[in-house]
Amino acid sequence: MIEATCHCGNIAITTKKLPKSVTSCNCSICYRIAALWVYYTANQVVIKQESNNAVYLWGNKLRSYHSCSFCGCTTHYTQKRDNGINRVAINARMVNSDIIKAVNIRYFDGANTFKYVEQ
């Protein structure tokens, strides 16, 4: 099991499934928050929060970026997909670094080609 938490512990996300890889994206928002994403379906994660979080929507408003309203950490985003399966992307920077060191980083060109690229 892995647990992702914001700095102050207000938001905690758990899942039983370890990631096979993490994604580094260079789109305008991912670049700014320096996130590394791991992807799950909504039924694979449990999200607990002690108090309200800040939610940021932009563009087509299909992704909701969630940040702690106290410490400011962006912990995850939720996405409504066309196939009806809702996705949760957890910011792997909120997870114990030993877990993340063990997986490969995949690079996604979200700024230009919208494809994974080799580094």
N, C-alpha and C. Protein backbone atom coordinates (compact mmCIF):
# COMPACT_ATOMS: atom_id res chain seq x y z
N MET A 1 0.84 -1.18 0.00
CA MET A 1 0.00 0.00 0.00
C MET A 1 0.89 1.24 0.00
N ILE A 2 0.45 2.27 -0.70
CA ILE A 2 1.16 3.54 -0.65
C ILE A 2 0.22 4.61 -0.12
N GLU A 3 0.82 5.60 0.52
CA GLU A 3 0.06 6.73 1.03
C GLU A 3 0.72 8.02 0.57
N ALA A 4 -0.09 8.91 0.05
CA ALA A 4 0.37 10.24 -0.34
C ALA A 4 -0.29 11.23 0.59
N THR A 5 0.50 12.14 1.14
CA THR A 5 -0.06 13.16 2.02
C THR A 5 0.52 14.52 1.66
N CYS A 6 -0.28 15.54 1.88
CA CYS A 6 0.26 16.89 1.75
C CYS A 6 1.21 17.13 2.93
N HIS A 7 1.89 18.25 2.93
CA HIS A 7 2.89 18.53 3.96
C HIS A 7 2.31 18.55 5.36
N CYS A 8 1.12 19.13 5.52
CA CYS A 8 0.53 19.26 6.86
C CYS A 8 -0.34 18.07 7.25
N GLY A 9 -0.62 17.16 6.32
CA GLY A 9 -1.42 15.98 6.63
C GLY A 9 -2.92 16.16 6.48
N ASN A 10 -3.36 17.31 6.02
CA ASN A 10 -4.79 17.57 5.83
C ASN A 10 -5.39 16.63 4.79
N ILE A 11 -4.65 16.35 3.72
CA ILE A 11 -5.11 15.46 2.66
C ILE A 11 -4.25 14.20 2.67
N ALA A 12 -4.89 13.04 2.69
CA ALA A 12 -4.20 11.76 2.63
C ALA A 12 -4.89 10.88 1.59
N ILE A 13 -4.09 10.28 0.72
CA ILE A 13 -4.61 9.42 -0.34
C ILE A 13 -3.91 8.08 -0.23
N THR A 14 -4.68 7.00 -0.22
CA THR A 14 -4.09 5.67 -0.14
C THR A 14 -4.58 4.81 -1.30
N THR A 15 -3.72 3.89 -1.68
CA THR A 15 -4.05 2.89 -2.68
C THR A 15 -3.26 1.63 -2.38
N LYS A 16 -3.80 0.49 -2.75
CA LYS A 16 -3.12 -0.78 -2.54
C LYS A 16 -2.19 -1.12 -3.69
N LYS A 17 -2.37 -0.45 -4.81
CA LYS A 17 -1.63 -0.79 -6.03
C LYS A 17 -0.37 0.08 -6.16
N LEU A 18 0.79 -0.57 -6.21
CA LEU A 18 2.03 0.16 -6.42
C LEU A 18 2.15 0.56 -7.88
N PRO A 19 2.71 1.72 -8.16
CA PRO A 19 2.84 2.15 -9.56
C PRO A 19 3.96 1.41 -10.28
N LYS A 20 3.78 1.21 -11.59
CA LYS A 20 4.84 0.64 -12.42
C LYS A 20 5.74 1.73 -12.96
N SER A 21 5.20 2.94 -13.06
CA SER A 21 5.97 4.09 -13.54
C SER A 21 5.31 5.36 -13.02
N VAL A 22 6.03 6.46 -13.14
CA VAL A 22 5.47 7.78 -12.86
C VAL A 22 5.62 8.61 -14.12
N THR A 23 4.75 9.59 -14.28
CA THR A 23 4.77 10.43 -15.47
C THR A 23 5.19 11.85 -15.10
N SER A 24 6.18 12.34 -15.83
CA SER A 24 6.59 13.74 -15.74
C SER A 24 6.06 14.43 -16.98
N CYS A 25 5.22 15.43 -16.78
CA CYS A 25 4.59 16.15 -17.90
C CYS A 25 5.11 17.59 -17.92
N ASN A 26 5.25 18.13 -19.13
CA ASN A 26 5.75 19.49 -19.26
C ASN A 26 4.67 20.49 -19.69
N CYS A 27 3.39 20.15 -19.50
CA CYS A 27 2.34 21.11 -19.83
C CYS A 27 2.44 22.30 -18.87
N SER A 28 1.67 23.32 -19.13
CA SER A 28 1.82 24.56 -18.36
C SER A 28 1.60 24.39 -16.86
N ILE A 29 0.65 23.58 -16.46
CA ILE A 29 0.41 23.44 -15.01
C ILE A 29 1.36 22.42 -14.37
N CYS A 30 1.57 21.29 -15.01
CA CYS A 30 2.45 20.27 -14.43
C CYS A 30 3.88 20.79 -14.28
N TYR A 31 4.33 21.57 -15.26
CA TYR A 31 5.66 22.16 -15.19
C TYR A 31 5.77 23.08 -13.97
N ARG A 32 4.74 23.88 -13.73
CA ARG A 32 4.77 24.84 -12.63
C ARG A 32 4.72 24.17 -11.25
N ILE A 33 3.98 23.09 -11.12
CA ILE A 33 3.88 22.45 -9.81
C ILE A 33 4.88 21.30 -9.64
N ALA A 34 5.63 20.99 -10.71
CA ALA A 34 6.68 19.96 -10.68
C ALA A 34 6.16 18.60 -10.21
N ALA A 35 4.97 18.25 -10.66
CA ALA A 35 4.36 16.99 -10.24
C ALA A 35 4.93 15.81 -11.00
N LEU A 36 4.93 14.67 -10.36
CA LEU A 36 5.14 13.37 -10.99
C LEU A 36 3.86 12.59 -10.74
N TRP A 37 3.20 12.16 -11.80
CA TRP A 37 1.86 11.58 -11.66
C TRP A 37 1.87 10.05 -11.73
N VAL A 38 1.05 9.45 -10.88
CA VAL A 38 0.71 8.03 -10.98
C VAL A 38 -0.80 7.95 -11.13
N TYR A 39 -1.27 7.05 -11.99
CA TYR A 39 -2.67 7.05 -12.39
C TYR A 39 -3.42 5.83 -11.87
N TYR A 40 -4.64 6.09 -11.43
CA TYR A 40 -5.52 5.04 -10.92
C TYR A 40 -6.96 5.35 -11.34
N THR A 41 -7.80 4.32 -11.29
CA THR A 41 -9.23 4.59 -11.43
C THR A 41 -9.73 5.03 -10.05
N ALA A 42 -10.84 5.74 -10.04
CA ALA A 42 -11.34 6.32 -8.79
C ALA A 42 -11.62 5.26 -7.72
N ASN A 43 -12.01 4.06 -8.14
CA ASN A 43 -12.31 3.02 -7.15
C ASN A 43 -11.06 2.36 -6.57
N GLN A 44 -9.88 2.72 -7.06
CA GLN A 44 -8.63 2.15 -6.54
C GLN A 44 -7.99 3.00 -5.44
N VAL A 45 -8.55 4.16 -5.16
CA VAL A 45 -7.95 5.06 -4.17
C VAL A 45 -8.98 5.49 -3.12
N VAL A 46 -8.45 5.83 -1.96
CA VAL A 46 -9.27 6.41 -0.89
C VAL A 46 -8.67 7.78 -0.58
N ILE A 47 -9.50 8.81 -0.65
CA ILE A 47 -9.05 10.17 -0.38
C ILE A 47 -9.72 10.65 0.90
N LYS A 48 -8.89 11.06 1.86
CA LYS A 48 -9.41 11.60 3.12
C LYS A 48 -8.86 13.01 3.29
N GLN A 49 -9.73 13.90 3.71
CA GLN A 49 -9.27 15.25 4.01
C GLN A 49 -9.95 15.74 5.27
N GLU A 50 -9.18 16.42 6.09
CA GLU A 50 -9.68 16.93 7.36
C GLU A 50 -10.50 18.21 7.16
N SER A 51 -10.11 18.99 6.18
CA SER A 51 -10.77 20.27 5.92
C SER A 51 -10.86 20.47 4.41
N ASN A 52 -11.51 21.52 3.99
CA ASN A 52 -11.67 21.78 2.56
C ASN A 52 -10.33 21.93 1.86
N ASN A 53 -10.31 21.53 0.61
CA ASN A 53 -9.13 21.76 -0.20
C ASN A 53 -9.47 22.77 -1.29
N ALA A 54 -8.45 23.25 -1.95
CA ALA A 54 -8.65 24.18 -3.05
C ALA A 54 -8.71 23.37 -4.34
N VAL A 55 -9.65 23.68 -5.20
CA VAL A 55 -9.81 22.97 -6.47
C VAL A 55 -9.63 23.97 -7.60
N TYR A 56 -8.79 23.59 -8.56
CA TYR A 56 -8.51 24.46 -9.70
C TYR A 56 -8.93 23.75 -10.98
N LEU A 57 -9.79 24.39 -11.75
CA LEU A 57 -10.22 23.89 -13.06
C LEU A 57 -9.80 24.91 -14.11
N TRP A 58 -9.40 24.43 -15.26
CA TRP A 58 -9.07 25.35 -16.35
C TRP A 58 -9.31 24.66 -17.67
N GLY A 59 -9.20 25.38 -18.76
CA GLY A 59 -9.38 24.81 -20.09
C GLY A 59 -10.75 24.18 -20.24
N ASN A 60 -10.75 22.90 -20.64
CA ASN A 60 -12.01 22.19 -20.87
C ASN A 60 -12.70 21.74 -19.57
N LYS A 61 -12.09 22.02 -18.45
CA LYS A 61 -12.64 21.74 -17.11
C LYS A 61 -12.92 20.26 -16.86
N LEU A 62 -12.17 19.39 -17.53
CA LEU A 62 -12.33 17.95 -17.30
C LEU A 62 -11.44 17.46 -16.16
N ARG A 63 -10.39 18.21 -15.85
CA ARG A 63 -9.50 17.85 -14.74
C ARG A 63 -9.67 18.86 -13.62
N SER A 64 -9.78 18.33 -12.41
CA SER A 64 -9.86 19.17 -11.21
C SER A 64 -8.59 18.94 -10.40
N TYR A 65 -7.75 19.95 -10.30
CA TYR A 65 -6.50 19.86 -9.54
C TYR A 65 -6.79 20.22 -8.09
N HIS A 66 -6.41 19.32 -7.17
CA HIS A 66 -6.72 19.49 -5.75
C HIS A 66 -5.44 19.82 -4.98
N SER A 67 -5.51 20.89 -4.21
CA SER A 67 -4.39 21.33 -3.37
C SER A 67 -4.90 21.56 -1.96
N CYS A 68 -4.01 21.38 -1.00
CA CYS A 68 -4.36 21.63 0.39
C CYS A 68 -4.52 23.13 0.60
N SER A 69 -5.61 23.53 1.22
CA SER A 69 -5.84 24.95 1.46
C SER A 69 -4.99 25.50 2.61
N PHE A 70 -4.30 24.61 3.33
CA PHE A 70 -3.43 25.06 4.42
C PHE A 70 -1.97 25.16 3.97
N CYS A 71 -1.39 24.04 3.50
CA CYS A 71 0.04 24.04 3.16
C CYS A 71 0.31 24.29 1.68
N GLY A 72 -0.71 24.21 0.84
CA GLY A 72 -0.57 24.55 -0.57
C GLY A 72 -0.12 23.42 -1.49
N CYS A 73 0.17 22.24 -0.97
CA CYS A 73 0.63 21.14 -1.82
C CYS A 73 -0.47 20.66 -2.77
N THR A 74 -0.13 20.49 -4.04
CA THR A 74 -1.05 19.88 -5.00
C THR A 74 -0.90 18.37 -4.86
N THR A 75 -1.94 17.72 -4.38
CA THR A 75 -1.86 16.30 -4.05
C THR A 75 -2.33 15.38 -5.17
N HIS A 76 -3.32 15.84 -5.96
CA HIS A 76 -3.89 14.96 -6.97
C HIS A 76 -4.78 15.75 -7.92
N TYR A 77 -5.14 15.09 -9.00
CA TYR A 77 -6.23 15.63 -9.81
C TYR A 77 -7.22 14.52 -10.11
N THR A 78 -8.45 14.92 -10.34
CA THR A 78 -9.48 13.98 -10.75
C THR A 78 -9.89 14.34 -12.16
N GLN A 79 -10.25 13.33 -12.93
CA GLN A 79 -10.58 13.55 -14.34
C GLN A 79 -11.78 12.71 -14.73
N LYS A 80 -12.73 13.36 -15.36
CA LYS A 80 -13.88 12.64 -15.93
C LYS A 80 -13.50 12.27 -17.36
N ARG A 81 -13.53 10.97 -17.64
CA ARG A 81 -13.11 10.49 -18.96
C ARG A 81 -14.32 10.16 -19.81
N ASP A 82 -14.11 10.20 -21.12
CA ASP A 82 -15.19 9.93 -22.07
C ASP A 82 -15.78 8.54 -21.92
N ASN A 83 -14.95 7.57 -21.49
CA ASN A 83 -15.43 6.19 -21.36
C ASN A 83 -16.21 5.96 -20.07
N GLY A 84 -16.40 7.00 -19.26
CA GLY A 84 -17.17 6.88 -18.04
C GLY A 84 -16.37 6.42 -16.83
N ILE A 85 -15.11 6.07 -17.03
CA ILE A 85 -14.25 5.65 -15.92
C ILE A 85 -13.50 6.88 -15.42
N ASN A 86 -13.77 7.28 -14.20
CA ASN A 86 -13.11 8.44 -13.64
C ASN A 86 -11.71 8.08 -13.17
N ARG A 87 -10.78 8.97 -13.45
CA ARG A 87 -9.37 8.73 -13.12
C ARG A 87 -8.94 9.66 -12.00
N VAL A 88 -8.04 9.15 -11.17
CA VAL A 88 -7.38 9.95 -10.15
C VAL A 88 -5.88 9.86 -10.41
N ALA A 89 -5.25 11.00 -10.56
CA ALA A 89 -3.79 11.05 -10.70
C ALA A 89 -3.24 11.57 -9.38
N ILE A 90 -2.39 10.77 -8.76
CA ILE A 90 -1.78 11.15 -7.48
C ILE A 90 -0.41 11.76 -7.77
N ASN A 91 -0.12 12.88 -7.13
CA ASN A 91 1.19 13.49 -7.26
C ASN A 91 2.18 12.66 -6.44
N ALA A 92 3.05 11.95 -7.13
CA ALA A 92 3.99 11.04 -6.48
C ALA A 92 5.00 11.78 -5.61
N ARG A 93 5.11 13.08 -5.75
CA ARG A 93 6.00 13.84 -4.86
C ARG A 93 5.45 13.89 -3.43
N MET A 94 4.21 13.45 -3.25
CA MET A 94 3.60 13.40 -1.92
C MET A 94 3.77 12.02 -1.27
N VAL A 95 4.46 11.11 -1.95
CA VAL A 95 4.65 9.73 -1.50
C VAL A 95 6.08 9.58 -0.96
N ASN A 96 6.29 8.62 -0.07
CA ASN A 96 7.63 8.31 0.42
C ASN A 96 8.59 8.15 -0.76
N SER A 97 9.69 8.87 -0.73
CA SER A 97 10.61 8.88 -1.88
C SER A 97 11.22 7.52 -2.18
N ASP A 98 11.34 6.63 -1.20
CA ASP A 98 11.89 5.30 -1.45
C ASP A 98 11.02 4.50 -2.42
N ILE A 99 9.72 4.68 -2.35
CA ILE A 99 8.81 3.99 -3.26
C ILE A 99 8.99 4.50 -4.68
N ILE A 100 9.10 5.80 -4.82
CA ILE A 100 9.19 6.40 -6.15
C ILE A 100 10.55 6.14 -6.79
N LYS A 101 11.61 6.04 -6.01
CA LYS A 101 12.94 5.75 -6.56
C LYS A 101 12.97 4.41 -7.28
N ALA A 102 12.08 3.51 -6.92
CA ALA A 102 12.08 2.16 -7.47
C ALA A 102 11.36 2.03 -8.81
N VAL A 103 10.74 3.09 -9.30
CA VAL A 103 9.98 3.00 -10.55
C VAL A 103 10.57 3.93 -11.61
N ASN A 104 10.28 3.61 -12.86
CA ASN A 104 10.76 4.41 -13.99
C ASN A 104 9.95 5.69 -14.14
N ILE A 105 10.62 6.73 -14.63
CA ILE A 105 9.93 7.97 -14.97
C ILE A 105 9.70 7.98 -16.47
N ARG A 106 8.43 8.20 -16.85
CA ARG A 106 8.07 8.37 -18.26
C ARG A 106 7.81 9.86 -18.49
N TYR A 107 8.26 10.35 -19.64
CA TYR A 107 8.13 11.78 -19.95
C TYR A 107 7.03 11.99 -20.97
N PHE A 108 6.09 12.86 -20.61
CA PHE A 108 4.95 13.15 -21.47
C PHE A 108 5.04 14.59 -21.94
N ASP A 109 5.02 14.78 -23.25
CA ASP A 109 5.09 16.12 -23.83
C ASP A 109 3.69 16.71 -23.92
N GLY A 110 3.21 17.21 -22.79
CA GLY A 110 1.89 17.82 -22.73
C GLY A 110 1.86 19.24 -23.28
N ALA A 111 3.04 19.80 -23.53
CA ALA A 111 3.12 21.17 -24.04
C ALA A 111 3.00 21.23 -25.56
N ASN A 112 3.42 20.16 -26.26
CA ASN A 112 3.47 20.23 -27.72
C ASN A 112 2.77 19.06 -28.41
N THR A 113 3.34 17.86 -28.29
CA THR A 113 2.86 16.74 -29.10
C THR A 113 1.76 15.91 -28.43
N PHE A 114 1.61 16.04 -27.13
CA PHE A 114 0.67 15.25 -26.34
C PHE A 114 0.94 13.75 -26.48
N LYS A 115 2.23 13.40 -26.48
CA LYS A 115 2.67 12.01 -26.58
C LYS A 115 3.81 11.77 -25.59
N TYR A 116 3.99 10.50 -25.21
CA TYR A 116 5.15 10.14 -24.42
C TYR A 116 6.39 10.21 -25.29
N VAL A 117 7.50 10.67 -24.71
CA VAL A 117 8.75 10.82 -25.44
C VAL A 117 9.85 10.09 -24.69
N GLU A 118 10.88 9.72 -25.41
CA GLU A 118 12.05 9.08 -24.80
C GLU A 118 13.01 10.16 -24.32
N GLN A 119 13.66 9.90 -23.20
CA GLN A 119 14.65 10.85 -22.67
C GLN A 119 16.00 10.20 -22.66
